[in-house]
Amino acid sequence: MAAGLKTWIRAMNPFTPPRAMAEAQWAAQSFVFALLISFIAGLPATAWLFGDGGVFAEFMKASAAAQGLSGDEAATSLAIIEAMMPWMFIFGTLFAIGIYGVLAWAQWRYMTWLIPAVWIAWLGYSLLMQIASPYGQVEHPPVPLWISVCGWAGASLATLIAVSSLHGAIVLRRLRRLP
């Protein structure tokens, strides 16, 4: 078991190229772990935003006030949002599980380079938007430091694994072409 774990860790290292077909396969399949880490790292922010603390509701109250809604309109809007919040949390989480599950299954089964490449590109776009959002028109509630640290740590680890998965999938594609 220790040898298998060591091989998986070596396969997930983006700084060492796969040495053989099996290691390239493991590296390509390691993207499943990146998806799992990414999902788990996003749960604290989701729970904080839609949890009992009412952060999302308070943000929506401030947003309604900034839009100049009357008291009745703001109260109606807030009542609708508060009624929808538990369902948004539940169905949003289930939707994410479904998307992550399909991507994980496809990557495990087909070991393609496309899924990690698109995920890395999407992560780069997300990073760019997080950097640019304080300067743009996007308003969002202030996020506690511990949530930001959890998210960034999870995203960083998942990105390293995704890079190794992309590398492994490319090497695997080359090895499969050899006669």
N, C-alpha and C. Protein backbone atom coordinates (compact mmCIF):
# COMPACT_ATOMS: atom_id res chain seq x y z
N MET A 1 0.82 -1.19 0.00
CA MET A 1 0.00 0.00 0.00
C MET A 1 0.86 1.25 0.00
N ALA A 2 1.96 1.24 0.72
CA ALA A 2 2.83 2.41 0.77
C ALA A 2 3.44 2.70 -0.59
N ALA A 3 3.75 1.65 -1.34
CA ALA A 3 4.31 1.84 -2.68
C ALA A 3 3.28 2.46 -3.61
N GLY A 4 2.01 2.05 -3.48
CA GLY A 4 0.94 2.62 -4.30
C GLY A 4 0.71 4.09 -4.00
N LEU A 5 0.74 4.43 -2.71
CA LEU A 5 0.57 5.82 -2.31
C LEU A 5 1.73 6.67 -2.81
N LYS A 6 2.93 6.12 -2.72
CA LYS A 6 4.11 6.84 -3.20
C LYS A 6 4.01 7.09 -4.71
N THR A 7 3.50 6.11 -5.44
CA THR A 7 3.34 6.25 -6.89
C THR A 7 2.29 7.31 -7.21
N TRP A 8 1.19 7.33 -6.45
CA TRP A 8 0.17 8.36 -6.68
C TRP A 8 0.72 9.74 -6.40
N ILE A 9 1.47 9.89 -5.32
CA ILE A 9 2.04 11.20 -4.98
C ILE A 9 3.03 11.63 -6.05
N ARG A 10 3.83 10.69 -6.54
CA ARG A 10 4.77 11.02 -7.62
C ARG A 10 4.01 11.40 -8.89
N ALA A 11 2.90 10.70 -9.16
CA ALA A 11 2.11 11.01 -10.35
C ALA A 11 1.46 12.38 -10.25
N MET A 12 1.13 12.82 -9.04
CA MET A 12 0.50 14.13 -8.85
C MET A 12 1.50 15.27 -8.75
N ASN A 13 2.78 14.98 -8.83
CA ASN A 13 3.80 16.02 -8.75
C ASN A 13 3.96 16.68 -10.13
N PRO A 14 3.64 17.96 -10.25
CA PRO A 14 3.73 18.59 -11.57
C PRO A 14 5.16 18.86 -12.04
N PHE A 15 6.13 18.66 -11.16
CA PHE A 15 7.51 18.97 -11.50
C PHE A 15 8.31 17.76 -11.96
N THR A 16 7.68 16.58 -11.94
CA THR A 16 8.36 15.38 -12.43
C THR A 16 7.53 14.77 -13.55
N PRO A 17 8.13 14.52 -14.69
CA PRO A 17 7.37 13.92 -15.80
C PRO A 17 7.11 12.45 -15.53
N PRO A 18 5.98 11.93 -16.04
CA PRO A 18 5.71 10.49 -15.89
C PRO A 18 6.78 9.67 -16.60
N ARG A 19 7.18 8.55 -15.97
CA ARG A 19 8.25 7.73 -16.53
C ARG A 19 7.75 6.59 -17.40
N ALA A 20 6.49 6.21 -17.24
CA ALA A 20 5.98 5.06 -17.98
C ALA A 20 4.49 5.26 -18.23
N MET A 21 3.91 4.35 -18.99
CA MET A 21 2.50 4.42 -19.34
C MET A 21 1.61 4.42 -18.09
N ALA A 22 1.88 3.53 -17.15
CA ALA A 22 1.05 3.45 -15.94
C ALA A 22 1.12 4.74 -15.14
N GLU A 23 2.31 5.30 -15.02
CA GLU A 23 2.44 6.55 -14.27
C GLU A 23 1.75 7.70 -14.98
N ALA A 24 1.79 7.73 -16.30
CA ALA A 24 1.08 8.75 -17.08
C ALA A 24 -0.43 8.60 -16.89
N GLN A 25 -0.91 7.37 -16.83
CA GLN A 25 -2.33 7.15 -16.58
C GLN A 25 -2.72 7.64 -15.20
N TRP A 26 -1.92 7.33 -14.21
CA TRP A 26 -2.21 7.78 -12.86
C TRP A 26 -2.18 9.30 -12.78
N ALA A 27 -1.22 9.90 -13.46
CA ALA A 27 -1.15 11.36 -13.46
C ALA A 27 -2.39 11.95 -14.12
N ALA A 28 -2.83 11.38 -15.23
CA ALA A 28 -4.02 11.87 -15.91
C ALA A 28 -5.26 11.68 -15.04
N GLN A 29 -5.34 10.57 -14.34
CA GLN A 29 -6.48 10.31 -13.48
C GLN A 29 -6.45 11.12 -12.19
N SER A 30 -5.31 11.65 -11.84
CA SER A 30 -5.21 12.41 -10.59
C SER A 30 -6.05 13.67 -10.59
N PHE A 31 -6.56 14.07 -11.74
CA PHE A 31 -7.43 15.24 -11.80
C PHE A 31 -8.68 15.04 -10.95
N VAL A 32 -9.07 13.80 -10.75
CA VAL A 32 -10.22 13.51 -9.89
C VAL A 32 -9.96 14.06 -8.48
N PHE A 33 -8.74 13.94 -8.00
CA PHE A 33 -8.39 14.48 -6.68
C PHE A 33 -8.43 16.00 -6.69
N ALA A 34 -8.03 16.61 -7.80
CA ALA A 34 -8.10 18.07 -7.91
C ALA A 34 -9.55 18.54 -7.83
N LEU A 35 -10.45 17.82 -8.49
CA LEU A 35 -11.87 18.17 -8.42
C LEU A 35 -12.40 18.02 -7.00
N LEU A 36 -12.01 16.94 -6.34
CA LEU A 36 -12.47 16.71 -4.97
C LEU A 36 -11.97 17.81 -4.03
N ILE A 37 -10.71 18.15 -4.14
CA ILE A 37 -10.14 19.22 -3.30
C ILE A 37 -10.81 20.54 -3.60
N SER A 38 -11.04 20.82 -4.87
CA SER A 38 -11.70 22.06 -5.26
C SER A 38 -13.12 22.15 -4.70
N PHE A 39 -13.85 21.05 -4.76
CA PHE A 39 -15.20 21.02 -4.22
C PHE A 39 -15.20 21.24 -2.71
N ILE A 40 -14.33 20.53 -2.03
CA ILE A 40 -14.27 20.65 -0.57
C ILE A 40 -13.83 22.05 -0.15
N ALA A 41 -12.91 22.65 -0.90
CA ALA A 41 -12.44 24.00 -0.57
C ALA A 41 -13.53 25.05 -0.78
N GLY A 42 -14.49 24.77 -1.64
CA GLY A 42 -15.58 25.72 -1.87
C GLY A 42 -16.73 25.61 -0.89
N LEU A 43 -16.80 24.52 -0.15
CA LEU A 43 -17.91 24.32 0.78
C LEU A 43 -17.97 25.34 1.93
N PRO A 44 -16.85 25.71 2.56
CA PRO A 44 -16.96 26.70 3.63
C PRO A 44 -17.54 28.04 3.16
N ALA A 45 -17.14 28.50 2.00
CA ALA A 45 -17.67 29.77 1.48
C ALA A 45 -19.16 29.65 1.19
N THR A 46 -19.58 28.52 0.63
CA THR A 46 -20.99 28.31 0.33
C THR A 46 -21.81 28.26 1.61
N ALA A 47 -21.33 27.52 2.59
CA ALA A 47 -22.03 27.42 3.87
C ALA A 47 -22.08 28.78 4.57
N TRP A 48 -21.02 29.54 4.51
CA TRP A 48 -21.00 30.86 5.13
C TRP A 48 -21.96 31.81 4.43
N LEU A 49 -21.99 31.76 3.11
CA LEU A 49 -22.83 32.68 2.35
C LEU A 49 -24.31 32.39 2.52
N PHE A 50 -24.68 31.11 2.46
CA PHE A 50 -26.10 30.75 2.51
C PHE A 50 -26.53 30.19 3.86
N GLY A 51 -25.63 30.15 4.82
CA GLY A 51 -25.96 29.57 6.12
C GLY A 51 -26.86 30.45 6.95
N ASP A 52 -26.96 30.13 8.21
CA ASP A 52 -27.87 30.83 9.11
C ASP A 52 -27.40 32.24 9.45
N GLY A 53 -26.17 32.58 9.12
CA GLY A 53 -25.66 33.91 9.44
C GLY A 53 -26.36 35.03 8.69
N GLY A 54 -27.01 34.72 7.59
CA GLY A 54 -27.74 35.74 6.85
C GLY A 54 -26.86 36.70 6.08
N VAL A 55 -25.66 36.28 5.74
CA VAL A 55 -24.74 37.16 5.02
C VAL A 55 -25.32 37.53 3.66
N PHE A 56 -25.85 36.54 2.97
CA PHE A 56 -26.42 36.78 1.65
C PHE A 56 -27.65 37.69 1.77
N ALA A 57 -28.48 37.45 2.79
CA ALA A 57 -29.68 38.29 2.99
C ALA A 57 -29.28 39.73 3.29
N GLU A 58 -28.27 39.92 4.14
CA GLU A 58 -27.82 41.28 4.45
C GLU A 58 -27.25 41.97 3.21
N PHE A 59 -26.54 41.22 2.42
CA PHE A 59 -26.00 41.78 1.17
C PHE A 59 -27.13 42.17 0.23
N MET A 60 -28.17 41.36 0.15
CA MET A 60 -29.30 41.67 -0.72
C MET A 60 -30.08 42.87 -0.20
N LYS A 61 -30.18 43.03 1.12
CA LYS A 61 -30.83 44.23 1.69
C LYS A 61 -30.08 45.48 1.27
N ALA A 62 -28.76 45.44 1.40
CA ALA A 62 -27.94 46.59 1.01
C ALA A 62 -28.06 46.85 -0.49
N SER A 63 -28.13 45.78 -1.26
CA SER A 63 -28.27 45.92 -2.71
C SER A 63 -29.62 46.54 -3.07
N ALA A 64 -30.68 46.12 -2.39
CA ALA A 64 -32.01 46.69 -2.63
C ALA A 64 -32.04 48.16 -2.27
N ALA A 65 -31.39 48.52 -1.17
CA ALA A 65 -31.33 49.92 -0.77
C ALA A 65 -30.54 50.74 -1.78
N ALA A 66 -29.47 50.18 -2.31
CA ALA A 66 -28.66 50.89 -3.30
C ALA A 66 -29.41 51.07 -4.62
N GLN A 67 -30.35 50.17 -4.92
CA GLN A 67 -31.13 50.27 -6.15
C GLN A 67 -32.28 51.25 -6.01
N GLY A 68 -32.53 51.72 -4.80
CA GLY A 68 -33.59 52.69 -4.58
C GLY A 68 -34.98 52.07 -4.53
N LEU A 69 -35.09 50.83 -4.13
CA LEU A 69 -36.39 50.18 -4.02
C LEU A 69 -37.15 50.75 -2.82
N SER A 70 -38.46 50.81 -2.95
CA SER A 70 -39.26 51.29 -1.83
C SER A 70 -39.26 50.23 -0.74
N GLY A 71 -39.79 50.57 0.41
CA GLY A 71 -39.80 49.65 1.54
C GLY A 71 -40.56 48.37 1.24
N ASP A 72 -41.73 48.49 0.59
CA ASP A 72 -42.51 47.31 0.25
C ASP A 72 -41.80 46.45 -0.78
N GLU A 73 -41.23 47.08 -1.80
CA GLU A 73 -40.53 46.33 -2.83
C GLU A 73 -39.31 45.60 -2.26
N ALA A 74 -38.58 46.30 -1.39
CA ALA A 74 -37.41 45.69 -0.77
C ALA A 74 -37.81 44.54 0.14
N ALA A 75 -38.91 44.71 0.89
CA ALA A 75 -39.37 43.64 1.80
C ALA A 75 -39.84 42.42 1.00
N THR A 76 -40.54 42.67 -0.10
CA THR A 76 -41.00 41.56 -0.95
C THR A 76 -39.81 40.83 -1.56
N SER A 77 -38.86 41.59 -2.07
CA SER A 77 -37.66 40.99 -2.66
C SER A 77 -36.89 40.17 -1.62
N LEU A 78 -36.75 40.72 -0.44
CA LEU A 78 -36.02 40.01 0.62
C LEU A 78 -36.77 38.76 1.06
N ALA A 79 -38.10 38.82 1.14
CA ALA A 79 -38.88 37.65 1.53
C ALA A 79 -38.72 36.53 0.51
N ILE A 80 -38.74 36.89 -0.76
CA ILE A 80 -38.56 35.89 -1.81
C ILE A 80 -37.16 35.27 -1.72
N ILE A 81 -36.17 36.10 -1.54
CA ILE A 81 -34.79 35.61 -1.46
C ILE A 81 -34.60 34.73 -0.24
N GLU A 82 -35.15 35.13 0.91
CA GLU A 82 -35.00 34.32 2.12
C GLU A 82 -35.71 32.97 1.98
N ALA A 83 -36.83 32.94 1.25
CA ALA A 83 -37.52 31.68 1.03
C ALA A 83 -36.73 30.78 0.07
N MET A 84 -36.00 31.39 -0.85
CA MET A 84 -35.25 30.62 -1.84
C MET A 84 -33.88 30.17 -1.34
N MET A 85 -33.32 30.83 -0.33
CA MET A 85 -31.95 30.55 0.09
C MET A 85 -31.67 29.09 0.43
N PRO A 86 -32.50 28.43 1.23
CA PRO A 86 -32.18 27.01 1.51
C PRO A 86 -32.17 26.16 0.24
N TRP A 87 -33.10 26.45 -0.67
CA TRP A 87 -33.17 25.69 -1.91
C TRP A 87 -32.00 26.02 -2.82
N MET A 88 -31.57 27.27 -2.83
CA MET A 88 -30.40 27.64 -3.62
C MET A 88 -29.17 26.90 -3.11
N PHE A 89 -29.03 26.82 -1.80
CA PHE A 89 -27.90 26.11 -1.21
C PHE A 89 -27.94 24.62 -1.56
N ILE A 90 -29.12 24.00 -1.37
CA ILE A 90 -29.25 22.56 -1.61
C ILE A 90 -29.04 22.24 -3.08
N PHE A 91 -29.78 22.91 -3.96
CA PHE A 91 -29.69 22.58 -5.37
C PHE A 91 -28.38 23.04 -6.00
N GLY A 92 -27.82 24.13 -5.50
CA GLY A 92 -26.50 24.55 -5.98
C GLY A 92 -25.44 23.53 -5.64
N THR A 93 -25.49 23.00 -4.43
CA THR A 93 -24.53 21.98 -4.02
C THR A 93 -24.75 20.69 -4.80
N LEU A 94 -25.99 20.29 -4.98
CA LEU A 94 -26.27 19.08 -5.76
C LEU A 94 -25.85 19.25 -7.23
N PHE A 95 -26.06 20.43 -7.77
CA PHE A 95 -25.64 20.70 -9.15
C PHE A 95 -24.12 20.61 -9.26
N ALA A 96 -23.42 21.19 -8.29
CA ALA A 96 -21.95 21.13 -8.30
C ALA A 96 -21.48 19.68 -8.17
N ILE A 97 -22.11 18.91 -7.29
CA ILE A 97 -21.74 17.49 -7.15
C ILE A 97 -21.94 16.77 -8.48
N GLY A 98 -23.04 17.06 -9.15
CA GLY A 98 -23.31 16.43 -10.44
C GLY A 98 -22.28 16.79 -11.49
N ILE A 99 -21.96 18.07 -11.61
CA ILE A 99 -20.97 18.51 -12.60
C ILE A 99 -19.60 17.93 -12.27
N TYR A 100 -19.18 18.04 -11.02
CA TYR A 100 -17.89 17.49 -10.62
C TYR A 100 -17.85 15.98 -10.80
N GLY A 101 -18.97 15.31 -10.51
CA GLY A 101 -19.03 13.86 -10.69
C GLY A 101 -18.88 13.44 -12.14
N VAL A 102 -19.56 14.14 -13.03
CA VAL A 102 -19.46 13.82 -14.46
C VAL A 102 -18.04 14.08 -14.96
N LEU A 103 -17.46 15.21 -14.56
CA LEU A 103 -16.09 15.51 -14.98
C LEU A 103 -15.10 14.48 -14.43
N ALA A 104 -15.28 14.11 -13.16
CA ALA A 104 -14.39 13.11 -12.56
C ALA A 104 -14.52 11.77 -13.26
N TRP A 105 -15.75 11.35 -13.54
CA TRP A 105 -15.95 10.08 -14.24
C TRP A 105 -15.31 10.12 -15.62
N ALA A 106 -15.54 11.21 -16.36
CA ALA A 106 -14.99 11.32 -17.72
C ALA A 106 -13.47 11.31 -17.70
N GLN A 107 -12.88 12.03 -16.74
CA GLN A 107 -11.42 12.07 -16.69
C GLN A 107 -10.84 10.73 -16.26
N TRP A 108 -11.48 10.06 -15.33
CA TRP A 108 -11.00 8.76 -14.87
C TRP A 108 -11.11 7.73 -16.00
N ARG A 109 -12.18 7.81 -16.75
CA ARG A 109 -12.43 6.82 -17.80
C ARG A 109 -11.60 7.08 -19.06
N TYR A 110 -11.56 8.34 -19.52
CA TYR A 110 -10.95 8.64 -20.80
C TYR A 110 -9.55 9.26 -20.71
N MET A 111 -9.19 9.76 -19.55
CA MET A 111 -7.85 10.34 -19.31
C MET A 111 -7.46 11.35 -20.39
N THR A 112 -8.32 12.30 -20.63
CA THR A 112 -8.12 13.29 -21.68
C THR A 112 -7.37 14.52 -21.15
N TRP A 113 -6.76 15.24 -22.05
CA TRP A 113 -6.06 16.47 -21.67
C TRP A 113 -7.04 17.64 -21.66
N LEU A 114 -8.17 17.52 -22.31
CA LEU A 114 -9.09 18.63 -22.49
C LEU A 114 -9.71 19.10 -21.17
N ILE A 115 -10.15 18.19 -20.33
CA ILE A 115 -10.83 18.57 -19.09
C ILE A 115 -9.89 19.34 -18.16
N PRO A 116 -8.66 18.86 -17.88
CA PRO A 116 -7.78 19.67 -17.03
C PRO A 116 -7.39 21.00 -17.69
N ALA A 117 -7.23 21.01 -19.01
CA ALA A 117 -6.85 22.26 -19.69
C ALA A 117 -7.95 23.30 -19.58
N VAL A 118 -9.20 22.89 -19.78
CA VAL A 118 -10.32 23.84 -19.65
C VAL A 118 -10.45 24.28 -18.20
N TRP A 119 -10.26 23.36 -17.26
CA TRP A 119 -10.37 23.72 -15.85
C TRP A 119 -9.28 24.73 -15.45
N ILE A 120 -8.07 24.52 -15.93
CA ILE A 120 -6.98 25.46 -15.63
C ILE A 120 -7.28 26.82 -16.26
N ALA A 121 -7.80 26.84 -17.49
CA ALA A 121 -8.16 28.10 -18.14
C ALA A 121 -9.27 28.81 -17.36
N TRP A 122 -10.26 28.06 -16.91
CA TRP A 122 -11.35 28.63 -16.12
C TRP A 122 -10.82 29.18 -14.80
N LEU A 123 -9.90 28.48 -14.18
CA LEU A 123 -9.31 28.95 -12.93
C LEU A 123 -8.52 30.24 -13.16
N GLY A 124 -7.80 30.32 -14.28
CA GLY A 124 -7.09 31.55 -14.61
C GLY A 124 -8.04 32.71 -14.81
N TYR A 125 -9.16 32.47 -15.49
CA TYR A 125 -10.18 33.51 -15.67
C TYR A 125 -10.75 33.94 -14.33
N SER A 126 -11.03 32.97 -13.47
CA SER A 126 -11.56 33.26 -12.14
C SER A 126 -10.58 34.10 -11.32
N LEU A 127 -9.30 33.75 -11.40
CA LEU A 127 -8.28 34.53 -10.70
C LEU A 127 -8.23 35.96 -11.22
N LEU A 128 -8.29 36.10 -12.52
CA LEU A 128 -8.28 37.44 -13.14
C LEU A 128 -9.48 38.25 -12.67
N MET A 129 -10.65 37.63 -12.59
CA MET A 129 -11.85 38.34 -12.15
C MET A 129 -11.77 38.70 -10.67
N GLN A 130 -11.16 37.85 -9.86
CA GLN A 130 -11.02 38.18 -8.44
C GLN A 130 -10.07 39.35 -8.24
N ILE A 131 -9.05 39.41 -9.07
CA ILE A 131 -8.11 40.52 -8.97
C ILE A 131 -8.76 41.80 -9.49
N ALA A 132 -9.53 41.68 -10.57
CA ALA A 132 -10.13 42.86 -11.20
C ALA A 132 -11.40 43.33 -10.53
N SER A 133 -12.09 42.48 -9.76
CA SER A 133 -13.40 42.85 -9.21
C SER A 133 -13.38 44.05 -8.27
N PRO A 134 -12.34 44.27 -7.47
CA PRO A 134 -12.38 45.47 -6.64
C PRO A 134 -12.37 46.76 -7.47
N TYR A 135 -11.93 46.67 -8.70
CA TYR A 135 -11.83 47.86 -9.54
C TYR A 135 -13.01 47.99 -10.50
N GLY A 136 -13.86 46.98 -10.57
CA GLY A 136 -14.98 47.01 -11.50
C GLY A 136 -16.29 47.32 -10.81
N GLN A 137 -17.38 46.94 -11.43
CA GLN A 137 -18.71 47.21 -10.92
C GLN A 137 -19.27 46.07 -10.08
N VAL A 138 -18.53 45.00 -9.93
CA VAL A 138 -19.03 43.83 -9.22
C VAL A 138 -18.98 44.07 -7.73
N GLU A 139 -20.15 43.98 -7.08
CA GLU A 139 -20.20 44.11 -5.63
C GLU A 139 -20.38 42.72 -5.04
N HIS A 140 -19.74 42.48 -3.92
CA HIS A 140 -19.89 41.21 -3.23
C HIS A 140 -19.69 41.45 -1.75
N PRO A 141 -20.27 40.57 -0.93
CA PRO A 141 -20.08 40.75 0.51
C PRO A 141 -18.63 40.52 0.90
N PRO A 142 -18.16 41.23 1.92
CA PRO A 142 -16.79 40.98 2.37
C PRO A 142 -16.65 39.57 2.93
N VAL A 143 -15.63 38.90 2.48
CA VAL A 143 -15.42 37.50 2.86
C VAL A 143 -14.41 37.44 4.00
N PRO A 144 -14.69 36.66 5.05
CA PRO A 144 -13.72 36.51 6.15
C PRO A 144 -12.40 35.91 5.65
N LEU A 145 -11.34 36.26 6.33
CA LEU A 145 -10.02 35.81 5.93
C LEU A 145 -9.89 34.29 5.92
N TRP A 146 -10.47 33.60 6.90
CA TRP A 146 -10.33 32.15 6.96
C TRP A 146 -10.97 31.48 5.75
N ILE A 147 -12.04 32.04 5.22
CA ILE A 147 -12.66 31.47 4.03
C ILE A 147 -11.77 31.70 2.82
N SER A 148 -11.20 32.89 2.73
CA SER A 148 -10.29 33.18 1.62
C SER A 148 -9.07 32.27 1.66
N VAL A 149 -8.52 32.06 2.84
CA VAL A 149 -7.34 31.19 2.98
C VAL A 149 -7.69 29.76 2.60
N CYS A 150 -8.84 29.25 3.06
CA CYS A 150 -9.26 27.88 2.69
C CYS A 150 -9.44 27.77 1.18
N GLY A 151 -10.08 28.74 0.60
CA GLY A 151 -10.33 28.71 -0.84
C GLY A 151 -9.05 28.78 -1.65
N TRP A 152 -8.16 29.71 -1.28
CA TRP A 152 -6.91 29.86 -2.03
C TRP A 152 -6.00 28.65 -1.84
N ALA A 153 -5.94 28.11 -0.63
CA ALA A 153 -5.10 26.93 -0.40
C ALA A 153 -5.63 25.74 -1.20
N GLY A 154 -6.93 25.53 -1.16
CA GLY A 154 -7.52 24.44 -1.93
C GLY A 154 -7.33 24.63 -3.43
N ALA A 155 -7.54 25.86 -3.91
CA ALA A 155 -7.37 26.14 -5.34
C ALA A 155 -5.91 25.96 -5.76
N SER A 156 -4.98 26.36 -4.92
CA SER A 156 -3.56 26.21 -5.26
C SER A 156 -3.16 24.74 -5.36
N LEU A 157 -3.58 23.94 -4.38
CA LEU A 157 -3.27 22.52 -4.40
C LEU A 157 -3.95 21.84 -5.59
N ALA A 158 -5.21 22.18 -5.82
CA ALA A 158 -5.93 21.59 -6.96
C ALA A 158 -5.30 22.00 -8.28
N THR A 159 -4.78 23.21 -8.37
CA THR A 159 -4.13 23.65 -9.60
C THR A 159 -2.85 22.86 -9.85
N LEU A 160 -2.06 22.64 -8.82
CA LEU A 160 -0.85 21.83 -8.99
C LEU A 160 -1.19 20.42 -9.48
N ILE A 161 -2.23 19.84 -8.89
CA ILE A 161 -2.63 18.50 -9.32
C ILE A 161 -3.18 18.54 -10.75
N ALA A 162 -3.93 19.59 -11.09
CA ALA A 162 -4.48 19.70 -12.45
C ALA A 162 -3.36 19.86 -13.48
N VAL A 163 -2.32 20.59 -13.13
CA VAL A 163 -1.18 20.73 -14.05
C VAL A 163 -0.50 19.39 -14.26
N SER A 164 -0.33 18.63 -13.18
CA SER A 164 0.28 17.30 -13.34
C SER A 164 -0.64 16.38 -14.13
N SER A 165 -1.94 16.51 -13.95
CA SER A 165 -2.88 15.70 -14.70
C SER A 165 -2.83 16.05 -16.19
N LEU A 166 -2.76 17.33 -16.48
CA LEU A 166 -2.64 17.76 -17.88
C LEU A 166 -1.35 17.22 -18.49
N HIS A 167 -0.27 17.32 -17.74
CA HIS A 167 1.02 16.81 -18.21
C HIS A 167 0.94 15.30 -18.44
N GLY A 168 0.36 14.59 -17.50
CA GLY A 168 0.22 13.13 -17.64
C GLY A 168 -0.65 12.74 -18.83
N ALA A 169 -1.73 13.49 -19.04
CA ALA A 169 -2.62 13.18 -20.18
C ALA A 169 -1.92 13.44 -21.51
N ILE A 170 -1.11 14.48 -21.57
CA ILE A 170 -0.36 14.77 -22.80
C ILE A 170 0.68 13.68 -23.06
N VAL A 171 1.40 13.28 -22.02
CA VAL A 171 2.39 12.21 -22.16
C VAL A 171 1.69 10.90 -22.54
N LEU A 172 0.56 10.62 -21.93
CA LEU A 172 -0.19 9.41 -22.24
C LEU A 172 -0.65 9.42 -23.70
N ARG A 173 -1.09 10.56 -24.17
CA ARG A 173 -1.50 10.67 -25.57
C ARG A 173 -0.33 10.38 -26.51
N ARG A 174 0.84 10.90 -26.18
CA ARG A 174 2.03 10.64 -27.00
C ARG A 174 2.41 9.16 -26.96
N LEU A 175 2.36 8.57 -25.78
CA LEU A 175 2.73 7.15 -25.65
C LEU A 175 1.77 6.24 -26.40
N ARG A 176 0.50 6.61 -26.45
CA ARG A 176 -0.48 5.79 -27.16
C ARG A 176 -0.28 5.86 -28.67
N ARG A 177 0.32 6.93 -29.15
CA ARG A 177 0.59 7.07 -30.58
C ARG A 177 1.77 6.25 -31.05
N LEU A 178 2.66 5.89 -30.12
CA LEU A 178 3.83 5.13 -30.51
C LEU A 178 3.42 3.73 -30.99
N PRO A 179 4.14 3.22 -32.00
CA PRO A 179 3.79 1.89 -32.52
C PRO A 179 4.17 0.78 -31.56
